[in-house]
Amino acid sequence: KWKKKSWEERYDELKVYFDTHRDSNVPLKSGSLGGWVQYQRQCYDKGNLSTYQVDKLNEIDFIFNVKNYQWDQRFIELKAFIEEHGHSCIPSTSTYKSLQAWCGSQRKLRQMKQAEATINCALTDEQEERLDSINFDWQSSHDYMWKQRLQQLKAFKEENGHVKLNKSNGQLGAWVETQRTEYRFKMEEQHTHLTDERIDELESIGFVWSIRDAERDNDVSR
């Protein structure tokens, strides 16, 4: 039925919607106007809209590509988070759950791109450059947090002269205990996040895998 109305009539309806909602992204479920909006996108993709029609739609911020628009919205959200917190390690709270998932998707898409996957990658060069421009961390949040804890441990050693922490030393101590547990898993050939590179980094600052062994060595050296 919506095809029976002229393009100008539908455009006028969309402009009223825009003036009310401050956007022209009418949901498809909103009825005939939503269907018309979707049809304009299809026409645009096929090159069937005139320059006049494109210009008129641009006047009311018409969204020709919804996926690009959604990506831009997430990018703006991420940029604001980085500006406020200084990093892109998004917490898994209800407030940031969707942004965290989106960031995870960007990391996976880049991995696919770097692996030269045969399928078309949804992450464009321009999008990758934009994420680089705001210092997006392409590593997983887990990797980022591990490096943060390592830096905290190095700072602890500079201040205290040792890295013999345990669970009684708060969050950093709990993290240290986790590394010891992960190391034991690795020795038992179980699944672990503790890579050889991480072991080398920890041992380079004198990390103690077993406090009991360290205390015994101290007794022997006395």
N, C-alpha and C. Protein backbone atom coordinates (compact mmCIF):
# COMPACT_ATOMS: atom_id res chain seq x y z
N LYS A 1 0.82 -1.21 0.00
CA LYS A 1 0.00 0.00 0.00
C LYS A 1 0.85 1.26 0.00
N TRP A 2 2.02 1.18 0.66
CA TRP A 2 2.82 2.40 0.76
C TRP A 2 3.34 2.87 -0.59
N LYS A 3 3.39 1.96 -1.59
CA LYS A 3 3.89 2.35 -2.91
C LYS A 3 2.93 3.30 -3.62
N LYS A 4 1.68 3.30 -3.20
CA LYS A 4 0.67 4.15 -3.87
C LYS A 4 0.89 5.63 -3.59
N LYS A 5 1.56 5.93 -2.47
CA LYS A 5 1.86 7.33 -2.16
C LYS A 5 3.10 7.76 -2.93
N SER A 6 3.15 9.03 -3.28
CA SER A 6 4.31 9.53 -4.02
C SER A 6 5.54 9.57 -3.11
N TRP A 7 6.72 9.65 -3.73
CA TRP A 7 7.97 9.72 -2.97
C TRP A 7 7.96 10.96 -2.09
N GLU A 8 7.49 12.06 -2.61
CA GLU A 8 7.46 13.31 -1.86
C GLU A 8 6.55 13.21 -0.63
N GLU A 9 5.44 12.53 -0.79
CA GLU A 9 4.51 12.38 0.34
C GLU A 9 5.15 11.55 1.44
N ARG A 10 5.81 10.48 1.04
CA ARG A 10 6.48 9.65 2.04
C ARG A 10 7.64 10.41 2.70
N TYR A 11 8.34 11.18 1.91
CA TYR A 11 9.45 11.96 2.45
C TYR A 11 8.93 12.97 3.49
N ASP A 12 7.81 13.59 3.20
CA ASP A 12 7.23 14.55 4.15
C ASP A 12 6.86 13.85 5.45
N GLU A 13 6.35 12.60 5.36
CA GLU A 13 6.04 11.83 6.57
C GLU A 13 7.31 11.55 7.36
N LEU A 14 8.37 11.20 6.64
CA LEU A 14 9.65 10.91 7.29
C LEU A 14 10.22 12.15 7.96
N LYS A 15 10.03 13.29 7.33
CA LYS A 15 10.54 14.54 7.91
C LYS A 15 9.81 14.87 9.21
N VAL A 16 8.52 14.58 9.25
CA VAL A 16 7.76 14.78 10.49
C VAL A 16 8.31 13.87 11.58
N TYR A 17 8.60 12.63 11.19
CA TYR A 17 9.18 11.66 12.13
C TYR A 17 10.54 12.18 12.63
N PHE A 18 11.33 12.70 11.71
CA PHE A 18 12.66 13.23 12.06
C PHE A 18 12.55 14.42 13.01
N ASP A 19 11.63 15.31 12.75
CA ASP A 19 11.44 16.49 13.60
C ASP A 19 11.02 16.10 15.02
N THR A 20 10.32 14.96 15.12
CA THR A 20 9.84 14.50 16.42
C THR A 20 10.91 13.71 17.18
N HIS A 21 11.59 12.80 16.46
CA HIS A 21 12.53 11.88 17.11
C HIS A 21 13.99 12.29 16.97
N ARG A 22 14.27 13.29 16.13
CA ARG A 22 15.63 13.75 15.85
C ARG A 22 16.48 12.70 15.16
N ASP A 23 15.86 11.74 14.53
CA ASP A 23 16.55 10.79 13.66
C ASP A 23 15.56 10.27 12.64
N SER A 24 16.07 9.68 11.58
CA SER A 24 15.20 9.17 10.52
C SER A 24 15.26 7.67 10.40
N ASN A 25 15.73 7.02 11.47
CA ASN A 25 15.90 5.57 11.46
C ASN A 25 14.60 4.89 11.92
N VAL A 26 13.59 4.90 11.06
CA VAL A 26 12.28 4.34 11.41
C VAL A 26 12.37 2.81 11.40
N PRO A 27 12.03 2.16 12.52
CA PRO A 27 12.09 0.69 12.57
C PRO A 27 11.13 0.07 11.55
N LEU A 28 11.53 -1.06 11.01
CA LEU A 28 10.71 -1.76 10.02
C LEU A 28 9.35 -2.14 10.60
N LYS A 29 9.34 -2.45 11.90
CA LYS A 29 8.10 -2.87 12.56
C LYS A 29 7.12 -1.71 12.76
N SER A 30 7.56 -0.48 12.41
CA SER A 30 6.71 0.69 12.62
C SER A 30 5.63 0.84 11.55
N GLY A 31 5.54 -0.11 10.65
CA GLY A 31 4.49 -0.04 9.64
C GLY A 31 4.96 0.43 8.28
N SER A 32 4.07 1.08 7.55
CA SER A 32 4.35 1.42 6.15
C SER A 32 5.53 2.37 5.99
N LEU A 33 5.68 3.33 6.92
CA LEU A 33 6.81 4.26 6.81
C LEU A 33 8.13 3.53 7.01
N GLY A 34 8.15 2.60 7.96
CA GLY A 34 9.35 1.79 8.18
C GLY A 34 9.70 0.97 6.95
N GLY A 35 8.67 0.43 6.30
CA GLY A 35 8.89 -0.33 5.07
C GLY A 35 9.44 0.55 3.95
N TRP A 36 8.93 1.77 3.86
CA TRP A 36 9.39 2.70 2.84
C TRP A 36 10.86 3.08 3.07
N VAL A 37 11.23 3.30 4.33
CA VAL A 37 12.61 3.63 4.68
C VAL A 37 13.54 2.50 4.26
N GLN A 38 13.13 1.26 4.57
CA GLN A 38 13.93 0.10 4.18
C GLN A 38 14.06 0.02 2.66
N TYR A 39 13.01 0.34 1.96
CA TYR A 39 13.00 0.30 0.49
C TYR A 39 13.95 1.36 -0.08
N GLN A 40 14.04 2.52 0.57
CA GLN A 40 14.97 3.57 0.10
C GLN A 40 16.42 3.08 0.21
N ARG A 41 16.71 2.34 1.27
CA ARG A 41 18.07 1.79 1.43
C ARG A 41 18.38 0.81 0.30
N GLN A 42 17.41 -0.03 -0.02
CA GLN A 42 17.60 -1.00 -1.10
C GLN A 42 17.81 -0.28 -2.43
N CYS A 43 17.01 0.77 -2.66
CA CYS A 43 17.14 1.55 -3.90
C CYS A 43 18.50 2.23 -3.98
N TYR A 44 18.97 2.73 -2.83
CA TYR A 44 20.27 3.40 -2.78
C TYR A 44 21.39 2.42 -3.12
N ASP A 45 21.32 1.21 -2.53
CA ASP A 45 22.33 0.18 -2.80
C ASP A 45 22.38 -0.17 -4.28
N LYS A 46 21.24 -0.14 -4.93
CA LYS A 46 21.16 -0.50 -6.36
C LYS A 46 21.40 0.70 -7.28
N GLY A 47 21.57 1.88 -6.66
CA GLY A 47 21.79 3.08 -7.46
C GLY A 47 20.54 3.61 -8.12
N ASN A 48 19.40 3.31 -7.52
CA ASN A 48 18.12 3.71 -8.11
C ASN A 48 17.52 4.98 -7.52
N LEU A 49 18.27 5.66 -6.66
CA LEU A 49 17.79 6.94 -6.13
C LEU A 49 18.46 8.08 -6.90
N SER A 50 17.69 9.11 -7.19
CA SER A 50 18.25 10.26 -7.90
C SER A 50 19.10 11.09 -6.95
N THR A 51 19.94 11.94 -7.51
CA THR A 51 20.76 12.83 -6.70
C THR A 51 19.89 13.71 -5.82
N TYR A 52 18.79 14.15 -6.38
CA TYR A 52 17.84 14.98 -5.63
C TYR A 52 17.32 14.23 -4.40
N GLN A 53 16.92 12.96 -4.59
CA GLN A 53 16.38 12.17 -3.49
C GLN A 53 17.44 11.91 -2.42
N VAL A 54 18.65 11.61 -2.86
CA VAL A 54 19.74 11.38 -1.90
C VAL A 54 20.01 12.65 -1.10
N ASP A 55 20.05 13.78 -1.77
CA ASP A 55 20.30 15.05 -1.08
C ASP A 55 19.20 15.36 -0.06
N LYS A 56 17.96 15.13 -0.46
CA LYS A 56 16.84 15.40 0.44
C LYS A 56 16.91 14.50 1.68
N LEU A 57 17.26 13.23 1.48
CA LEU A 57 17.37 12.29 2.60
C LEU A 57 18.55 12.67 3.50
N ASN A 58 19.62 13.12 2.90
CA ASN A 58 20.78 13.54 3.71
C ASN A 58 20.44 14.73 4.60
N GLU A 59 19.52 15.56 4.15
CA GLU A 59 19.11 16.74 4.93
C GLU A 59 18.53 16.35 6.28
N ILE A 60 17.97 15.15 6.36
CA ILE A 60 17.38 14.68 7.63
C ILE A 60 18.18 13.50 8.19
N ASP A 61 19.50 13.51 7.90
CA ASP A 61 20.42 12.51 8.47
C ASP A 61 19.97 11.08 8.21
N PHE A 62 19.52 10.82 7.01
CA PHE A 62 19.05 9.47 6.67
C PHE A 62 20.20 8.48 6.75
N ILE A 63 19.93 7.32 7.33
CA ILE A 63 20.95 6.28 7.48
C ILE A 63 20.83 5.29 6.33
N PHE A 64 21.75 5.39 5.37
CA PHE A 64 21.69 4.51 4.21
C PHE A 64 22.23 3.11 4.52
N ASN A 65 23.20 3.03 5.43
CA ASN A 65 23.78 1.75 5.80
C ASN A 65 23.67 1.58 7.31
N VAL A 66 22.74 0.74 7.73
CA VAL A 66 22.47 0.56 9.17
C VAL A 66 23.66 -0.04 9.89
N LYS A 67 24.35 -1.01 9.26
CA LYS A 67 25.49 -1.67 9.90
C LYS A 67 26.60 -0.66 10.18
N ASN A 68 26.87 0.20 9.20
CA ASN A 68 27.90 1.22 9.40
C ASN A 68 27.50 2.19 10.50
N TYR A 69 26.22 2.53 10.54
CA TYR A 69 25.71 3.44 11.57
C TYR A 69 25.89 2.83 12.96
N GLN A 70 25.53 1.56 13.09
CA GLN A 70 25.65 0.88 14.38
C GLN A 70 27.12 0.80 14.80
N TRP A 71 27.99 0.55 13.82
CA TRP A 71 29.43 0.49 14.12
C TRP A 71 29.90 1.84 14.62
N ASP A 72 29.48 2.91 13.94
CA ASP A 72 29.87 4.26 14.34
C ASP A 72 29.40 4.59 15.76
N GLN A 73 28.19 4.14 16.11
CA GLN A 73 27.66 4.41 17.44
C GLN A 73 28.50 3.72 18.50
N ARG A 74 28.89 2.47 18.24
CA ARG A 74 29.74 1.73 19.18
C ARG A 74 31.12 2.37 19.28
N PHE A 75 31.62 2.83 18.16
CA PHE A 75 32.94 3.48 18.14
C PHE A 75 32.92 4.73 19.02
N ILE A 76 31.87 5.52 18.89
CA ILE A 76 31.74 6.74 19.71
C ILE A 76 31.69 6.37 21.20
N GLU A 77 30.95 5.30 21.51
CA GLU A 77 30.84 4.83 22.90
C GLU A 77 32.19 4.37 23.43
N LEU A 78 32.93 3.63 22.60
CA LEU A 78 34.26 3.15 22.99
C LEU A 78 35.23 4.30 23.18
N LYS A 79 35.20 5.26 22.27
CA LYS A 79 36.09 6.42 22.36
C LYS A 79 35.87 7.17 23.66
N ALA A 80 34.61 7.34 24.04
CA ALA A 80 34.27 8.04 25.29
C ALA A 80 34.80 7.25 26.49
N PHE A 81 34.70 5.92 26.43
CA PHE A 81 35.18 5.08 27.53
C PHE A 81 36.69 5.22 27.68
N ILE A 82 37.41 5.17 26.55
CA ILE A 82 38.87 5.27 26.58
C ILE A 82 39.30 6.64 27.10
N GLU A 83 38.61 7.68 26.67
CA GLU A 83 38.95 9.04 27.13
C GLU A 83 38.75 9.18 28.64
N GLU A 84 37.77 8.47 29.18
CA GLU A 84 37.48 8.57 30.62
C GLU A 84 38.39 7.68 31.45
N HIS A 85 38.65 6.45 30.94
CA HIS A 85 39.37 5.46 31.76
C HIS A 85 40.83 5.24 31.33
N GLY A 86 41.18 5.69 30.14
CA GLY A 86 42.57 5.57 29.70
C GLY A 86 42.94 4.22 29.12
N HIS A 87 41.96 3.34 28.92
CA HIS A 87 42.24 2.02 28.34
C HIS A 87 40.96 1.49 27.70
N SER A 88 41.10 0.38 26.98
CA SER A 88 39.94 -0.22 26.30
C SER A 88 39.61 -1.60 26.85
N CYS A 89 39.96 -1.82 28.11
CA CYS A 89 39.60 -3.09 28.77
C CYS A 89 38.20 -2.91 29.35
N ILE A 90 37.20 -3.28 28.58
CA ILE A 90 35.81 -3.02 28.98
C ILE A 90 35.35 -4.03 30.02
N PRO A 91 34.83 -3.57 31.16
CA PRO A 91 34.36 -4.50 32.20
C PRO A 91 33.09 -5.22 31.77
N SER A 92 32.86 -6.39 32.35
CA SER A 92 31.70 -7.20 31.98
C SER A 92 30.49 -6.89 32.86
N THR A 93 30.30 -5.61 33.15
CA THR A 93 29.14 -5.19 33.93
C THR A 93 27.94 -5.02 33.00
N SER A 94 26.76 -4.92 33.58
CA SER A 94 25.55 -4.78 32.77
C SER A 94 25.60 -3.50 31.92
N THR A 95 26.25 -2.47 32.45
CA THR A 95 26.35 -1.19 31.73
C THR A 95 27.15 -1.33 30.44
N TYR A 96 28.21 -2.12 30.49
CA TYR A 96 29.13 -2.21 29.35
C TYR A 96 29.11 -3.56 28.64
N LYS A 97 28.17 -4.41 28.98
CA LYS A 97 28.16 -5.77 28.44
C LYS A 97 28.14 -5.78 26.91
N SER A 98 27.27 -4.97 26.30
CA SER A 98 27.15 -4.97 24.84
C SER A 98 28.40 -4.36 24.19
N LEU A 99 28.99 -3.35 24.82
CA LEU A 99 30.21 -2.74 24.28
C LEU A 99 31.37 -3.72 24.38
N GLN A 100 31.43 -4.46 25.47
CA GLN A 100 32.48 -5.46 25.64
C GLN A 100 32.38 -6.53 24.55
N ALA A 101 31.15 -6.98 24.27
CA ALA A 101 30.93 -7.98 23.23
C ALA A 101 31.34 -7.43 21.86
N TRP A 102 31.02 -6.17 21.61
CA TRP A 102 31.37 -5.54 20.34
C TRP A 102 32.89 -5.47 20.18
N CYS A 103 33.58 -5.10 21.24
CA CYS A 103 35.05 -5.04 21.19
C CYS A 103 35.64 -6.42 20.92
N GLY A 104 35.04 -7.43 21.54
CA GLY A 104 35.49 -8.80 21.29
C GLY A 104 35.32 -9.17 19.82
N SER A 105 34.23 -8.73 19.24
CA SER A 105 33.96 -9.02 17.82
C SER A 105 35.00 -8.35 16.93
N GLN A 106 35.37 -7.11 17.26
CA GLN A 106 36.37 -6.40 16.45
C GLN A 106 37.71 -7.12 16.51
N ARG A 107 38.06 -7.64 17.68
CA ARG A 107 39.32 -8.38 17.82
C ARG A 107 39.31 -9.65 16.98
N LYS A 108 38.18 -10.36 17.01
CA LYS A 108 38.07 -11.60 16.24
C LYS A 108 38.11 -11.32 14.74
N LEU A 109 37.43 -10.25 14.32
CA LEU A 109 37.42 -9.89 12.90
C LEU A 109 38.82 -9.54 12.42
N ARG A 110 39.59 -8.87 13.27
CA ARG A 110 40.96 -8.51 12.88
C ARG A 110 41.84 -9.75 12.78
N GLN A 111 41.63 -10.70 13.68
CA GLN A 111 42.37 -11.96 13.61
C GLN A 111 42.08 -12.68 12.31
N MET A 112 40.80 -12.69 11.93
CA MET A 112 40.40 -13.31 10.67
C MET A 112 41.06 -12.59 9.49
N LYS A 113 41.10 -11.29 9.58
CA LYS A 113 41.68 -10.48 8.51
C LYS A 113 43.18 -10.75 8.37
N GLN A 114 43.86 -10.83 9.52
CA GLN A 114 45.29 -11.09 9.50
C GLN A 114 45.61 -12.50 9.02
N ALA A 115 44.67 -13.42 9.28
CA ALA A 115 44.87 -14.80 8.84
C ALA A 115 44.52 -14.97 7.36
N GLU A 116 44.13 -13.86 6.73
CA GLU A 116 43.75 -13.87 5.31
C GLU A 116 42.67 -14.91 5.03
N ALA A 117 41.64 -14.85 5.85
CA ALA A 117 40.52 -15.79 5.68
C ALA A 117 39.90 -15.61 4.30
N THR A 118 39.39 -16.68 3.75
CA THR A 118 38.82 -16.64 2.40
C THR A 118 37.52 -15.86 2.35
N ILE A 119 36.80 -15.82 3.50
CA ILE A 119 35.54 -15.08 3.51
C ILE A 119 35.82 -13.59 3.62
N ASN A 120 34.91 -12.78 3.17
CA ASN A 120 35.08 -11.33 3.25
C ASN A 120 35.02 -10.88 4.70
N CYS A 121 36.00 -10.12 5.11
CA CYS A 121 36.04 -9.65 6.50
C CYS A 121 35.19 -8.40 6.65
N ALA A 122 34.39 -8.38 7.70
CA ALA A 122 33.48 -7.26 7.92
C ALA A 122 34.19 -6.03 8.46
N LEU A 123 35.46 -6.20 8.89
CA LEU A 123 36.22 -5.07 9.42
C LEU A 123 37.02 -4.42 8.29
N THR A 124 36.67 -3.20 7.94
CA THR A 124 37.34 -2.51 6.84
C THR A 124 38.66 -1.90 7.31
N ASP A 125 39.52 -1.55 6.35
CA ASP A 125 40.79 -0.90 6.69
C ASP A 125 40.53 0.42 7.40
N GLU A 126 39.52 1.14 6.95
CA GLU A 126 39.19 2.43 7.56
C GLU A 126 38.77 2.25 9.02
N GLN A 127 37.95 1.24 9.29
CA GLN A 127 37.51 0.99 10.66
C GLN A 127 38.69 0.60 11.54
N GLU A 128 39.58 -0.22 11.01
CA GLU A 128 40.77 -0.63 11.76
C GLU A 128 41.63 0.58 12.10
N GLU A 129 41.81 1.47 11.13
CA GLU A 129 42.60 2.69 11.36
C GLU A 129 41.94 3.59 12.40
N ARG A 130 40.62 3.66 12.37
CA ARG A 130 39.91 4.49 13.35
C ARG A 130 40.10 3.94 14.77
N LEU A 131 40.06 2.62 14.90
CA LEU A 131 40.28 2.01 16.21
C LEU A 131 41.72 2.22 16.67
N ASP A 132 42.67 2.12 15.74
CA ASP A 132 44.07 2.39 16.08
C ASP A 132 44.25 3.83 16.56
N SER A 133 43.50 4.74 15.95
CA SER A 133 43.65 6.17 16.26
C SER A 133 43.24 6.51 17.69
N ILE A 134 42.43 5.66 18.33
CA ILE A 134 42.03 5.92 19.72
C ILE A 134 42.71 4.93 20.67
N ASN A 135 43.81 4.30 20.16
CA ASN A 135 44.63 3.37 20.97
C ASN A 135 43.83 2.17 21.47
N PHE A 136 43.00 1.63 20.61
CA PHE A 136 42.27 0.41 20.95
C PHE A 136 43.25 -0.74 21.11
N ASP A 137 43.10 -1.50 22.20
CA ASP A 137 43.98 -2.63 22.47
C ASP A 137 43.42 -3.85 21.75
N TRP A 138 44.15 -4.34 20.74
CA TRP A 138 43.66 -5.46 19.94
C TRP A 138 43.78 -6.79 20.67
N GLN A 139 44.52 -6.80 21.77
CA GLN A 139 44.61 -8.02 22.56
C GLN A 139 43.35 -8.18 23.39
N SER A 140 43.13 -9.38 23.87
CA SER A 140 41.92 -9.64 24.66
C SER A 140 42.00 -8.91 26.00
N SER A 141 40.86 -8.73 26.62
CA SER A 141 40.81 -8.08 27.92
C SER A 141 41.64 -8.86 28.94
N HIS A 142 41.65 -10.19 28.79
CA HIS A 142 42.42 -11.03 29.71
C HIS A 142 43.91 -10.69 29.60
N ASP A 143 44.40 -10.53 28.37
CA ASP A 143 45.81 -10.19 28.16
C ASP A 143 46.11 -8.82 28.76
N TYR A 144 45.19 -7.89 28.56
CA TYR A 144 45.40 -6.54 29.06
C TYR A 144 45.51 -6.55 30.58
N MET A 145 44.58 -7.24 31.25
CA MET A 145 44.58 -7.27 32.71
C MET A 145 45.83 -7.96 33.23
N TRP A 146 46.30 -9.00 32.52
CA TRP A 146 47.51 -9.70 32.95
C TRP A 146 48.69 -8.74 32.94
N LYS A 147 48.80 -7.96 31.88
CA LYS A 147 49.91 -7.01 31.78
C LYS A 147 49.80 -5.92 32.85
N GLN A 148 48.58 -5.52 33.15
CA GLN A 148 48.37 -4.51 34.20
C GLN A 148 48.86 -5.04 35.54
N ARG A 149 48.51 -6.29 35.85
CA ARG A 149 48.95 -6.90 37.11
C ARG A 149 50.47 -7.05 37.15
N LEU A 150 51.06 -7.41 36.01
CA LEU A 150 52.52 -7.55 35.96
C LEU A 150 53.19 -6.22 36.28
N GLN A 151 52.66 -5.14 35.74
CA GLN A 151 53.22 -3.82 36.02
C GLN A 151 53.08 -3.47 37.50
N GLN A 152 51.94 -3.85 38.08
CA GLN A 152 51.72 -3.60 39.51
C GLN A 152 52.72 -4.41 40.35
N LEU A 153 53.01 -5.64 39.90
CA LEU A 153 53.95 -6.49 40.63
C LEU A 153 55.36 -5.92 40.54
N LYS A 154 55.71 -5.38 39.38
CA LYS A 154 57.03 -4.75 39.22
C LYS A 154 57.15 -3.54 40.15
N ALA A 155 56.08 -2.77 40.23
CA ALA A 155 56.08 -1.59 41.11
C ALA A 155 56.21 -2.02 42.57
N PHE A 156 55.55 -3.13 42.92
CA PHE A 156 55.63 -3.66 44.29
C PHE A 156 57.06 -4.05 44.62
N LYS A 157 57.73 -4.69 43.66
CA LYS A 157 59.11 -5.12 43.90
C LYS A 157 60.04 -3.92 44.08
N GLU A 158 59.84 -2.88 43.28
CA GLU A 158 60.68 -1.68 43.39
C GLU A 158 60.54 -1.05 44.77
N GLU A 159 59.33 -1.15 45.33
CA GLU A 159 59.08 -0.53 46.63
C GLU A 159 59.48 -1.42 47.80
N ASN A 160 59.30 -2.75 47.63
CA ASN A 160 59.51 -3.67 48.75
C ASN A 160 60.70 -4.62 48.60
N GLY A 161 61.26 -4.67 47.39
CA GLY A 161 62.45 -5.49 47.20
C GLY A 161 62.20 -6.97 46.98
N HIS A 162 60.93 -7.37 46.88
CA HIS A 162 60.63 -8.79 46.65
C HIS A 162 59.25 -8.92 46.01
N VAL A 163 58.94 -10.14 45.57
CA VAL A 163 57.62 -10.41 44.98
C VAL A 163 56.97 -11.61 45.66
N LYS A 164 57.27 -11.81 46.94
CA LYS A 164 56.73 -12.95 47.68
C LYS A 164 55.37 -12.59 48.28
N LEU A 165 54.36 -12.53 47.42
CA LEU A 165 53.02 -12.19 47.85
C LEU A 165 52.16 -13.44 47.93
N ASN A 166 51.06 -13.32 48.69
CA ASN A 166 50.05 -14.37 48.72
C ASN A 166 48.67 -13.73 48.85
N LYS A 167 47.66 -14.53 49.09
CA LYS A 167 46.29 -14.03 49.11
C LYS A 167 46.06 -12.96 50.18
N SER A 168 46.89 -12.92 51.19
CA SER A 168 46.72 -11.92 52.25
C SER A 168 47.11 -10.52 51.78
N ASN A 169 47.71 -10.44 50.57
CA ASN A 169 48.16 -9.15 50.04
C ASN A 169 47.15 -8.53 49.07
N GLY A 170 45.88 -8.83 49.26
CA GLY A 170 44.85 -8.20 48.44
C GLY A 170 44.75 -8.75 47.02
N GLN A 171 44.26 -7.94 46.11
CA GLN A 171 44.02 -8.37 44.73
C GLN A 171 45.31 -8.79 44.03
N LEU A 172 46.37 -8.05 44.24
CA LEU A 172 47.64 -8.39 43.61
C LEU A 172 48.15 -9.73 44.14
N GLY A 173 48.01 -9.94 45.45
CA GLY A 173 48.41 -11.21 46.03
C GLY A 173 47.60 -12.37 45.49
N ALA A 174 46.30 -12.15 45.33
CA ALA A 174 45.42 -13.18 44.78
C ALA A 174 45.83 -13.52 43.34
N TRP A 175 46.22 -12.48 42.58
CA TRP A 175 46.67 -12.70 41.20
C TRP A 175 47.96 -13.51 41.19
N VAL A 176 48.86 -13.21 42.11
CA VAL A 176 50.13 -13.95 42.22
C VAL A 176 49.85 -15.42 42.51
N GLU A 177 48.93 -15.68 43.44
CA GLU A 177 48.56 -17.06 43.76
C GLU A 177 47.98 -17.77 42.53
N THR A 178 47.20 -17.03 41.75
CA THR A 178 46.62 -17.61 40.54
C THR A 178 47.73 -18.02 39.56
N GLN A 179 48.78 -17.21 39.46
CA GLN A 179 49.89 -17.55 38.55
C GLN A 179 50.58 -18.83 39.02
N ARG A 180 50.69 -18.99 40.33
CA ARG A 180 51.30 -20.21 40.87
C ARG A 180 50.44 -21.44 40.54
N THR A 181 49.12 -21.25 40.68
CA THR A 181 48.20 -22.35 40.36
C THR A 181 48.28 -22.69 38.88
N GLU A 182 48.31 -21.65 38.04
CA GLU A 182 48.40 -21.85 36.58
C GLU A 182 49.71 -22.56 36.22
N TYR A 183 50.77 -22.20 36.94
CA TYR A 183 52.08 -22.83 36.70
C TYR A 183 52.02 -24.32 37.03
N ARG A 184 51.35 -24.64 38.14
CA ARG A 184 51.21 -26.05 38.52
C ARG A 184 50.41 -26.82 37.46
N PHE A 185 49.36 -26.18 36.95
CA PHE A 185 48.58 -26.79 35.87
C PHE A 185 49.46 -27.07 34.65
N LYS A 186 50.32 -26.12 34.34
CA LYS A 186 51.19 -26.26 33.17
C LYS A 186 52.16 -27.42 33.36
N MET A 187 52.69 -27.53 34.58
CA MET A 187 53.61 -28.63 34.87
C MET A 187 52.90 -29.99 34.77
N GLU A 188 51.60 -29.97 35.08
CA GLU A 188 50.81 -31.21 35.01
C GLU A 188 50.18 -31.39 33.62
N GLU A 189 50.57 -30.50 32.70
CA GLU A 189 50.09 -30.55 31.31
C GLU A 189 48.57 -30.42 31.22
N GLN A 190 48.03 -29.61 32.10
CA GLN A 190 46.61 -29.28 32.04
C GLN A 190 46.45 -27.94 31.30
N HIS A 191 45.19 -27.62 30.97
CA HIS A 191 44.93 -26.35 30.28
C HIS A 191 45.29 -25.18 31.20
N THR A 192 45.99 -24.19 30.64
CA THR A 192 46.39 -23.03 31.42
C THR A 192 46.56 -21.81 30.52
N HIS A 193 46.37 -20.62 31.10
CA HIS A 193 46.59 -19.38 30.35
C HIS A 193 48.04 -18.92 30.48
N LEU A 194 48.84 -19.63 31.27
CA LEU A 194 50.21 -19.21 31.53
C LEU A 194 51.13 -19.71 30.41
N THR A 195 51.49 -18.81 29.52
CA THR A 195 52.35 -19.16 28.39
C THR A 195 53.82 -19.13 28.80
N ASP A 196 54.68 -19.69 27.96
CA ASP A 196 56.13 -19.66 28.22
C ASP A 196 56.63 -18.22 28.28
N GLU A 197 56.05 -17.37 27.44
CA GLU A 197 56.44 -15.95 27.43
C GLU A 197 56.12 -15.29 28.77
N ARG A 198 54.94 -15.62 29.31
CA ARG A 198 54.55 -15.04 30.60
C ARG A 198 55.46 -15.55 31.72
N ILE A 199 55.81 -16.82 31.65
CA ILE A 199 56.71 -17.40 32.67
C ILE A 199 58.05 -16.66 32.64
N ASP A 200 58.56 -16.42 31.43
CA ASP A 200 59.83 -15.71 31.30
C ASP A 200 59.74 -14.30 31.87
N GLU A 201 58.62 -13.62 31.61
CA GLU A 201 58.44 -12.26 32.11
C GLU A 201 58.41 -12.24 33.63
N LEU A 202 57.73 -13.22 34.22
CA LEU A 202 57.65 -13.28 35.68
C LEU A 202 59.00 -13.64 36.29
N GLU A 203 59.69 -14.60 35.70
CA GLU A 203 60.97 -15.02 36.25
C GLU A 203 62.04 -13.94 36.10
N SER A 204 61.85 -13.06 35.12
CA SER A 204 62.82 -11.97 34.92
C SER A 204 62.81 -10.97 36.07
N ILE A 205 61.73 -10.96 36.85
CA ILE A 205 61.67 -10.06 38.02
C ILE A 205 61.76 -10.85 39.32
N GLY A 206 62.23 -12.11 39.22
CA GLY A 206 62.45 -12.92 40.42
C GLY A 206 61.19 -13.50 41.01
N PHE A 207 60.20 -13.83 40.16
CA PHE A 207 58.94 -14.37 40.66
C PHE A 207 59.18 -15.69 41.39
N VAL A 208 58.50 -15.85 42.52
CA VAL A 208 58.65 -17.05 43.35
C VAL A 208 57.45 -17.97 43.12
N TRP A 209 57.70 -19.11 42.49
CA TRP A 209 56.59 -20.03 42.16
C TRP A 209 56.08 -20.75 43.40
N SER A 210 56.94 -20.88 44.41
CA SER A 210 56.53 -21.51 45.66
C SER A 210 57.19 -20.77 46.82
N ILE A 211 56.41 -20.12 47.65
CA ILE A 211 56.96 -19.39 48.80
C ILE A 211 57.68 -20.35 49.74
N ARG A 212 57.14 -21.55 49.87
CA ARG A 212 57.77 -22.56 50.76
C ARG A 212 59.19 -22.86 50.29
N ASP A 213 59.37 -23.03 48.96
CA ASP A 213 60.70 -23.30 48.42
C ASP A 213 61.63 -22.10 48.63
N ALA A 214 61.08 -20.90 48.45
CA ALA A 214 61.89 -19.69 48.61
C ALA A 214 62.37 -19.55 50.05
N GLU A 215 61.49 -19.85 51.01
CA GLU A 215 61.87 -19.76 52.42
C GLU A 215 62.92 -20.80 52.77
N ARG A 216 62.80 -22.00 52.16
CA ARG A 216 63.78 -23.05 52.41
C ARG A 216 65.15 -22.63 51.86
N ASP A 217 65.13 -22.02 50.66
CA ASP A 217 66.39 -21.56 50.07
C ASP A 217 67.05 -20.48 50.93
N ASN A 218 66.23 -19.62 51.52
CA ASN A 218 66.76 -18.58 52.40
C ASN A 218 67.41 -19.17 53.63
N ASP A 219 66.80 -20.24 54.18
CA ASP A 219 67.35 -20.89 55.36
C ASP A 219 68.70 -21.54 55.05
N VAL A 220 68.80 -22.14 53.84
CA VAL A 220 70.02 -22.81 53.43
C VAL A 220 71.16 -21.80 53.24
N SER A 221 70.80 -20.62 52.71
CA SER A 221 71.83 -19.61 52.40
C SER A 221 72.33 -18.89 53.64
N ARG A 222 71.63 -19.05 54.76
CA ARG A 222 72.04 -18.33 55.97
C ARG A 222 73.23 -19.02 56.65
